[in-house]
C-alpha atoms as a PDB file:
ATOM      1  CA  MET A   1       0.000   0.000   0.000  1.00  0.00           C
ATOM      2  CA  ILE A   2       1.143   3.494  -0.786  1.00  0.00           C
ATOM      3  CA  PHE A   3       1.304   5.380   2.480  1.00  0.00           C
ATOM      4  CA  PHE A   4       3.693   6.983   4.845  1.00  0.00           C
ATOM      5  CA  SER A   5       4.304   6.179   8.478  1.00  0.00           C
ATOM      6  CA  THR A   6       1.754   8.331  10.256  1.00  0.00           C
ATOM      7  CA  MET A   7      -1.123   7.394   7.976  1.00  0.00           C
ATOM      8  CA  ILE A   8      -2.988   4.151   8.380  1.00  0.00           C
ATOM      9  CA  VAL A   9      -4.704   2.339   5.548  1.00  0.00           C
ATOM     10  CA  CYS A  10      -6.942  -0.557   6.517  1.00  0.00           C
ATOM     11  CA  LEU A  11      -9.281  -2.466   4.267  1.00  0.00           C
ATOM     12  CA  SER A  12     -11.544  -3.397   7.125  1.00  0.00           C
ATOM     13  CA  GLY A  13     -11.065  -2.700  10.740  1.00  0.00           C
ATOM     14  CA  ILE A  14     -12.399  -0.990  13.791  1.00  0.00           C
ATOM     15  CA  VAL A  15     -12.456   2.774  13.715  1.00  0.00           C
ATOM     16  CA  SER A  16     -11.938   4.336  17.111  1.00  0.00           C
ATOM     17  CA  SER A  17     -14.119   7.286  18.035  1.00  0.00           C
ATOM     18  CA  ASN A  18     -11.683   8.521  20.681  1.00  0.00           C
ATOM     19  CA  THR A  19      -8.238   9.194  19.322  1.00  0.00           C
ATOM     20  CA  ASP A  20      -5.498  11.763  19.281  1.00  0.00           C
ATOM     21  CA  LYS A  21      -5.764  11.835  15.486  1.00  0.00           C
ATOM     22  CA  ARG A  22      -8.252  13.230  13.029  1.00  0.00           C
ATOM     23  CA  GLN A  23      -9.591  10.441  10.850  1.00  0.00           C
ATOM     24  CA  LEU A  24     -10.506  10.332   7.186  1.00  0.00           C
ATOM     25  CA  LEU A  25     -12.759   7.384   6.440  1.00  0.00           C
ATOM     26  CA  LEU A  26     -12.919   6.431   2.773  1.00  0.00           C
ATOM     27  CA  PHE A  27     -15.755   4.048   1.989  1.00  0.00           C
ATOM     28  CA  THR A  28     -15.332   2.430  -1.420  1.00  0.00           C
ATOM     29  CA  GLN A  29     -15.906  -0.762  -3.342  1.00  0.00           C
ATOM     30  CA  ASN A  30     -12.436  -0.597  -4.932  1.00  0.00           C
ATOM     31  CA  LYS A  31      -9.644   1.598  -3.539  1.00  0.00           C
ATOM     32  CA  ASP A  32      -7.552   1.384  -6.692  1.00  0.00           C
ATOM     33  CA  THR A  33      -9.977   2.758  -9.267  1.00  0.00           C
ATOM     34  CA  GLY A  34     -12.342   5.628  -9.897  1.00  0.00           C
ATOM     35  CA  LEU A  35     -12.819   8.362  -7.348  1.00  0.00           C
ATOM     36  CA  ALA A  36     -11.175   6.388  -4.554  1.00  0.00           C
ATOM     37  CA  GLY A  37      -7.925   6.040  -6.472  1.00  0.00           C
ATOM     38  CA  LYS A  38      -7.956   9.744  -7.348  1.00  0.00           C
ATOM     39  CA  GLN A  39      -8.736  10.675  -3.753  1.00  0.00           C
ATOM     40  CA  LEU A  40      -5.889   8.608  -2.357  1.00  0.00           C
ATOM     41  CA  ALA A  41      -3.529  10.200  -4.900  1.00  0.00           C
ATOM     42  CA  ILE A  42      -4.588  13.692  -3.766  1.00  0.00           C
ATOM     43  CA  TRP A  43      -3.961  12.810  -0.132  1.00  0.00           C
ATOM     44  CA  THR A  44      -0.650  11.143  -0.917  1.00  0.00           C
ATOM     45  CA  GLU A  45       0.611  14.308  -2.633  1.00  0.00           C
ATOM     46  CA  ALA A  46      -0.247  16.302   0.503  1.00  0.00           C
ATOM     47  CA  GLN A  47       1.351  13.909   2.990  1.00  0.00           C
ATOM     48  CA  ALA A  48       3.424  16.518   4.867  1.00  0.00           C
ATOM     49  CA  GLU A  49       0.402  18.758   5.451  1.00  0.00           C
ATOM     50  CA  MET A  50      -1.683  15.764   6.485  1.00  0.00           C
ATOM     51  CA  GLN A  51       0.923  14.665   9.025  1.00  0.00           C
ATOM     52  CA  GLU A  52       1.020  18.190  10.419  1.00  0.00           C
ATOM     53  CA  ARG A  53      -2.740  18.030  10.990  1.00  0.00           C
ATOM     54  CA  ASP A  54      -2.605  14.599  12.675  1.00  0.00           C
ATOM     55  CA  LEU A  55      -4.658  12.869   9.982  1.00  0.00           C
ATOM     56  CA  THR A  56      -4.988   9.144   9.490  1.00  0.00           C
ATOM     57  CA  ILE A  57      -6.785   7.456   6.636  1.00  0.00           C
ATOM     58  CA  THR A  58      -8.854   4.325   6.879  1.00  0.00           C
ATOM     59  CA  VAL A  59     -10.094   2.768   3.658  1.00  0.00           C
ATOM     60  CA  ILE A  60     -13.210   0.713   4.283  1.00  0.00           C
ATOM     61  CA  THR A  61     -14.401  -1.868   1.787  1.00  0.00           C
ATOM     62  CA  GLY A  62     -17.049  -4.441   2.491  1.00  0.00           C
ATOM     63  CA  ASN A  63     -17.263  -3.969   6.268  1.00  0.00           C
ATOM     64  CA  GLU A  64     -21.016  -3.977   6.819  1.00  0.00           C
ATOM     65  CA  LEU A  65     -20.718  -3.001  10.485  1.00  0.00           C
ATOM     66  CA  LEU A  66     -18.798   0.191   9.665  1.00  0.00           C
ATOM     67  CA  TYR A  67     -21.126   1.011   6.772  1.00  0.00           C
ATOM     68  CA  LYS A  68     -24.051   0.750   9.205  1.00  0.00           C
ATOM     69  CA  LYS A  69     -22.295   2.594  12.030  1.00  0.00           C
ATOM     70  CA  TYR A  70     -21.544   5.581   9.788  1.00  0.00           C
ATOM     71  CA  LYS A  71     -24.817   5.303   7.839  1.00  0.00           C
ATOM     72  CA  VAL A  72     -23.158   4.820   4.466  1.00  0.00           C
ATOM     73  CA  ASP A  73     -25.120   3.033   1.739  1.00  0.00           C
ATOM     74  CA  SER A  74     -23.166  -0.134   0.944  1.00  0.00           C
ATOM     75  CA  GLN A  75     -24.043   0.310  -2.749  1.00  0.00           C
ATOM     76  CA  THR A  76     -22.340   3.709  -2.855  1.00  0.00           C
ATOM     77  CA  ASP A  77     -18.927   3.518  -4.462  1.00  0.00           C
ATOM     78  CA  PHE A  78     -17.385   6.551  -2.779  1.00  0.00           C
ATOM     79  CA  THR A  79     -17.971   8.371   0.504  1.00  0.00           C
ATOM     80  CA  VAL A  80     -15.469  10.350   2.569  1.00  0.00           C
ATOM     81  CA  ILE A  81     -16.093  11.175   6.220  1.00  0.00           C
ATOM     82  CA  LEU A  82     -13.840  13.378   8.335  1.00  0.00           C
ATOM     83  CA  LEU A  83     -13.901  12.695  12.077  1.00  0.00           C
ATOM     84  CA  GLY A  84     -12.375  15.221  14.438  1.00  0.00           C
ATOM     85  CA  LYS A  85     -10.147  14.294  17.347  1.00  0.00           C
ATOM     86  CA  ASP A  86     -13.321  14.290  19.438  1.00  0.00           C
ATOM     87  CA  GLY A  87     -14.728  11.494  17.236  1.00  0.00           C
ATOM     88  CA  ILE A  88     -17.510  13.712  15.900  1.00  0.00           C
ATOM     89  CA  GLU A  89     -18.242  13.823  12.176  1.00  0.00           C
ATOM     90  CA  LYS A  90     -17.053  17.113  10.695  1.00  0.00           C
ATOM     91  CA  LEU A  91     -17.608  16.461   6.982  1.00  0.00           C
ATOM     92  CA  ARG A  92     -19.251  13.922   4.699  1.00  0.00           C
ATOM     93  CA  THR A  93     -18.996  14.027   0.926  1.00  0.00           C
ATOM     94  CA  GLN A  94     -19.435  11.815  -2.096  1.00  0.00           C
ATOM     95  CA  ASN A  95     -17.222  14.095  -4.193  1.00  0.00           C
ATOM     96  CA  LEU A  96     -13.451  14.354  -4.372  1.00  0.00           C
ATOM     97  CA  LEU A  97     -12.116  16.278  -1.397  1.00  0.00           C
ATOM     98  CA  THR A  98      -9.275  18.569  -2.387  1.00  0.00           C
ATOM     99  CA  ALA A  99      -6.396  19.027   0.001  1.00  0.00           C
ATOM    100  CA  ASN A 100      -7.069  22.782   0.135  1.00  0.00           C
ATOM    101  CA  LYS A 101     -10.714  22.310   1.122  1.00  0.00           C
ATOM    102  CA  LEU A 102      -9.789  19.685   3.718  1.00  0.00           C
ATOM    103  CA  PHE A 103      -7.042  21.821   5.258  1.00  0.00           C
ATOM    104  CA  ALA A 104      -9.195  24.969   5.308  1.00  0.00           C
ATOM    105  CA  LEU A 105     -11.906  23.072   7.189  1.00  0.00           C
ATOM    106  CA  ILE A 106      -9.471  21.578   9.692  1.00  0.00           C
ATOM    107  CA  ASP A 107      -7.546  24.834  10.186  1.00  0.00           C
ATOM    108  CA  ALA A 108     -10.793  26.592  11.105  1.00  0.00           C
ATOM    109  CA  MET A 109     -11.501  24.112  13.926  1.00  0.00           C
ATOM    110  CA  PRO A 110     -10.869  25.406  17.473  1.00  0.00           C
ATOM    111  CA  MET A 111      -8.622  22.481  18.438  1.00  0.00           C
ATOM    112  CA  ARG A 112      -6.478  22.959  15.333  1.00  0.00           C
ATOM    113  CA  ARG A 113      -6.194  26.699  15.988  1.00  0.00           C
ATOM    114  CA  GLN A 114      -4.979  25.879  19.478  1.00  0.00           C
ATOM    115  CA  GLU A 115      -2.417  23.445  18.027  1.00  0.00           C
ATOM    116  CA  MET A 116      -1.145  26.100  15.627  1.00  0.00           C
ATOM    117  CA  ARG A 117      -0.805  28.691  18.420  1.00  0.00           C
ATOM    118  CA  LYS A 118       1.065  26.201  20.581  1.00  0.00           C
ATOM    119  CA  LYS A 119       3.423  25.335  17.719  1.00  0.00           C
ATOM    120  CA  GLU A 120       4.035  29.035  17.024  1.00  0.00           C
ATOM    121  CA  LYS A 121       4.788  29.638  20.680  1.00  0.00           C
ATOM    122  CA  ASN A 122       7.328  26.803  20.788  1.00  0.00           C
ATOM    123  CA  GLN A 123       9.286  28.071  17.785  1.00  0.00           C
END
């Protein structure tokens, strides 16, 4: 699989709702083709920015329990859900999610603003 150390790609697994990471859940029938493949390529190109924002990626294919838990139609070929560090859903889309849109959304979150201030202070 094509990912770097701080990102996690699972084909089916348990997604934790309490974590110190923001989570991108990619629900797809086939991670290598169509929108899913394009989406993963976009995120791969932005790996440094994603690491900075404490993002992990979980690719979910065929896990009925997770499809039900997150209320995703199992017939849908592409759904992205962003979970904040608090485990609460922040975004859901069935369209490609550009890195700029993702980062703008995260950077506007209070917890992320606090992280940025803390980082600035420590430099």
